[in-house]
Amino acid sequence: MFDFINRFRGDEDGAVTVDWVVLTAAIVGMAVLTYGAMADSNEAVVNATAETVLTARDFLTN
């Protein structure tokens, strides 16, 4: 039993895969959090730009 535990503890097969999965999950999580934080402010900028364009269009057509 101790021999199995020692071999299991020393075996590093798959460790790189686990590292990549953890790093990829961290990057995806950060991207989702960043998008969530920026979505509201982006909507405000888009709405302000649309309002300005519509105002300018009304000014230019009259």
N, C-alpha and C. Protein backbone atom coordinates (compact mmCIF):
# COMPACT_ATOMS: atom_id res chain seq x y z
N MET A 1 0.83 -1.19 0.00
CA MET A 1 0.00 0.00 0.00
C MET A 1 0.87 1.26 0.00
N PHE A 2 1.91 1.30 0.82
CA PHE A 2 2.79 2.47 0.86
C PHE A 2 3.53 2.65 -0.46
N ASP A 3 3.85 1.52 -1.11
CA ASP A 3 4.53 1.61 -2.40
C ASP A 3 3.62 2.28 -3.43
N PHE A 4 2.33 1.92 -3.42
CA PHE A 4 1.37 2.54 -4.34
C PHE A 4 1.25 4.04 -4.07
N ILE A 5 1.16 4.42 -2.82
CA ILE A 5 1.03 5.84 -2.46
C ILE A 5 2.26 6.62 -2.89
N ASN A 6 3.43 6.06 -2.69
CA ASN A 6 4.67 6.75 -3.09
C ASN A 6 4.75 6.90 -4.60
N ARG A 7 4.35 5.84 -5.34
CA ARG A 7 4.36 5.94 -6.81
C ARG A 7 3.33 6.97 -7.29
N PHE A 8 2.16 6.97 -6.66
CA PHE A 8 1.12 7.92 -7.04
C PHE A 8 1.55 9.36 -6.79
N ARG A 9 2.20 9.57 -5.65
CA ARG A 9 2.65 10.92 -5.30
C ARG A 9 3.77 11.40 -6.22
N GLY A 10 4.61 10.50 -6.67
CA GLY A 10 5.73 10.87 -7.53
C GLY A 10 5.39 10.95 -9.01
N ASP A 11 4.23 10.39 -9.39
CA ASP A 11 3.84 10.39 -10.79
C ASP A 11 3.38 11.78 -11.20
N GLU A 12 3.96 12.30 -12.29
CA GLU A 12 3.62 13.64 -12.75
C GLU A 12 2.89 13.63 -14.09
N ASP A 13 2.48 12.47 -14.55
CA ASP A 13 1.72 12.40 -15.80
C ASP A 13 0.39 13.12 -15.63
N GLY A 14 0.07 13.98 -16.57
CA GLY A 14 -1.19 14.71 -16.51
C GLY A 14 -1.10 16.03 -15.76
N ALA A 15 0.00 16.29 -15.11
CA ALA A 15 0.11 17.54 -14.35
C ALA A 15 0.08 18.76 -15.27
N VAL A 16 0.69 18.63 -16.45
CA VAL A 16 0.71 19.74 -17.40
C VAL A 16 -0.71 20.00 -17.90
N THR A 17 -1.46 18.94 -18.12
CA THR A 17 -2.85 19.09 -18.57
C THR A 17 -3.67 19.83 -17.52
N VAL A 18 -3.50 19.45 -16.28
CA VAL A 18 -4.23 20.12 -15.20
C VAL A 18 -3.83 21.59 -15.14
N ASP A 19 -2.56 21.88 -15.29
CA ASP A 19 -2.10 23.28 -15.29
C ASP A 19 -2.77 24.07 -16.41
N TRP A 20 -2.82 23.50 -17.61
CA TRP A 20 -3.44 24.20 -18.73
C TRP A 20 -4.93 24.42 -18.50
N VAL A 21 -5.60 23.43 -17.95
CA VAL A 21 -7.03 23.57 -17.69
C VAL A 21 -7.27 24.68 -16.67
N VAL A 22 -6.47 24.72 -15.62
CA VAL A 22 -6.63 25.75 -14.59
C VAL A 22 -6.32 27.14 -15.16
N LEU A 23 -5.25 27.26 -15.92
CA LEU A 23 -4.91 28.55 -16.52
C LEU A 23 -5.97 29.01 -17.52
N THR A 24 -6.47 28.09 -18.33
CA THR A 24 -7.51 28.45 -19.30
C THR A 24 -8.79 28.88 -18.59
N ALA A 25 -9.16 28.18 -17.54
CA ALA A 25 -10.35 28.55 -16.78
C ALA A 25 -10.17 29.93 -16.14
N ALA A 26 -8.97 30.22 -15.66
CA ALA A 26 -8.71 31.54 -15.06
C ALA A 26 -8.82 32.64 -16.11
N ILE A 27 -8.30 32.41 -17.30
CA ILE A 27 -8.36 33.42 -18.36
C ILE A 27 -9.80 33.64 -18.80
N VAL A 28 -10.56 32.56 -18.96
CA VAL A 28 -11.96 32.70 -19.36
C VAL A 28 -12.75 33.43 -18.27
N GLY A 29 -12.48 33.10 -17.01
CA GLY A 29 -13.16 33.78 -15.90
C GLY A 29 -12.86 35.26 -15.87
N MET A 30 -11.61 35.62 -16.10
CA MET A 30 -11.24 37.03 -16.12
C MET A 30 -11.90 37.76 -17.29
N ALA A 31 -12.00 37.09 -18.44
CA ALA A 31 -12.66 37.70 -19.60
C ALA A 31 -14.14 37.94 -19.32
N VAL A 32 -14.79 36.98 -18.68
CA VAL A 32 -16.21 37.15 -18.35
C VAL A 32 -16.41 38.28 -17.36
N LEU A 33 -15.57 38.35 -16.35
CA LEU A 33 -15.67 39.43 -15.37
C LEU A 33 -15.41 40.79 -16.01
N THR A 34 -14.44 40.86 -16.90
CA THR A 34 -14.13 42.12 -17.58
C THR A 34 -15.29 42.55 -18.45
N TYR A 35 -15.87 41.62 -19.19
CA TYR A 35 -17.02 41.95 -20.04
C TYR A 35 -18.19 42.43 -19.18
N GLY A 36 -18.43 41.76 -18.07
CA GLY A 36 -19.52 42.17 -17.19
C GLY A 36 -19.32 43.56 -16.63
N ALA A 37 -18.09 43.89 -16.31
CA ALA A 37 -17.81 45.22 -15.76
C ALA A 37 -17.92 46.31 -16.82
N MET A 38 -17.60 45.98 -18.06
CA MET A 38 -17.60 46.98 -19.12
C MET A 38 -18.92 47.09 -19.86
N ALA A 39 -19.80 46.13 -19.74
CA ALA A 39 -21.03 46.11 -20.53
C ALA A 39 -21.91 47.31 -20.25
N ASP A 40 -22.08 47.67 -18.99
CA ASP A 40 -22.95 48.80 -18.64
C ASP A 40 -22.39 50.12 -19.17
N SER A 41 -21.11 50.35 -18.99
CA SER A 41 -20.54 51.61 -19.45
C SER A 41 -20.51 51.67 -20.97
N ASN A 42 -20.32 50.55 -21.63
CA ASN A 42 -20.36 50.55 -23.09
C ASN A 42 -21.75 50.90 -23.61
N GLU A 43 -22.77 50.41 -22.95
CA GLU A 43 -24.13 50.72 -23.36
C GLU A 43 -24.41 52.21 -23.21
N ALA A 44 -23.90 52.82 -22.16
CA ALA A 44 -24.10 54.26 -21.97
C ALA A 44 -23.40 55.06 -23.06
N VAL A 45 -22.21 54.65 -23.45
CA VAL A 45 -21.48 55.35 -24.50
C VAL A 45 -22.19 55.20 -25.84
N VAL A 46 -22.68 54.00 -26.12
CA VAL A 46 -23.40 53.77 -27.38
C VAL A 46 -24.67 54.61 -27.43
N ASN A 47 -25.40 54.67 -26.34
CA ASN A 47 -26.63 55.47 -26.32
C ASN A 47 -26.34 56.96 -26.49
N ALA A 48 -25.29 57.45 -25.85
CA ALA A 48 -24.92 58.86 -25.99
C ALA A 48 -24.49 59.17 -27.42
N THR A 49 -23.74 58.27 -28.02
CA THR A 49 -23.31 58.46 -29.41
C THR A 49 -24.50 58.46 -30.35
N ALA A 50 -25.41 57.54 -30.14
CA ALA A 50 -26.61 57.47 -30.99
C ALA A 50 -27.43 58.76 -30.87
N GLU A 51 -27.56 59.26 -29.67
CA GLU A 51 -28.31 60.50 -29.47
C GLU A 51 -27.64 61.67 -30.17
N THR A 52 -26.33 61.74 -30.09
CA THR A 52 -25.58 62.81 -30.75
C THR A 52 -25.72 62.73 -32.26
N VAL A 53 -25.63 61.53 -32.81
CA VAL A 53 -25.76 61.36 -34.26
C VAL A 53 -27.16 61.76 -34.71
N LEU A 54 -28.17 61.34 -33.97
CA LEU A 54 -29.54 61.71 -34.34
C LEU A 54 -29.76 63.21 -34.25
N THR A 55 -29.19 63.86 -33.25
CA THR A 55 -29.30 65.31 -33.11
C THR A 55 -28.61 66.01 -34.27
N ALA A 56 -27.43 65.53 -34.63
CA ALA A 56 -26.69 66.13 -35.75
C ALA A 56 -27.45 65.93 -37.05
N ARG A 57 -28.06 64.78 -37.23
CA ARG A 57 -28.82 64.51 -38.44
C ARG A 57 -30.02 65.46 -38.55
N ASP A 58 -30.70 65.68 -37.42
CA ASP A 58 -31.83 66.61 -37.42
C ASP A 58 -31.38 68.03 -37.75
N PHE A 59 -30.22 68.42 -37.24
CA PHE A 59 -29.68 69.75 -37.50
C PHE A 59 -29.30 69.92 -38.95
N LEU A 60 -28.71 68.89 -39.54
CA LEU A 60 -28.23 68.99 -40.92
C LEU A 60 -29.37 68.94 -41.93
N THR A 61 -30.45 68.24 -41.60
CA THR A 61 -31.55 68.12 -42.58
C THR A 61 -32.47 69.34 -42.56
N ASN A 62 -32.43 70.14 -41.51
CA ASN A 62 -33.32 71.31 -41.43
C ASN A 62 -32.63 72.54 -41.89
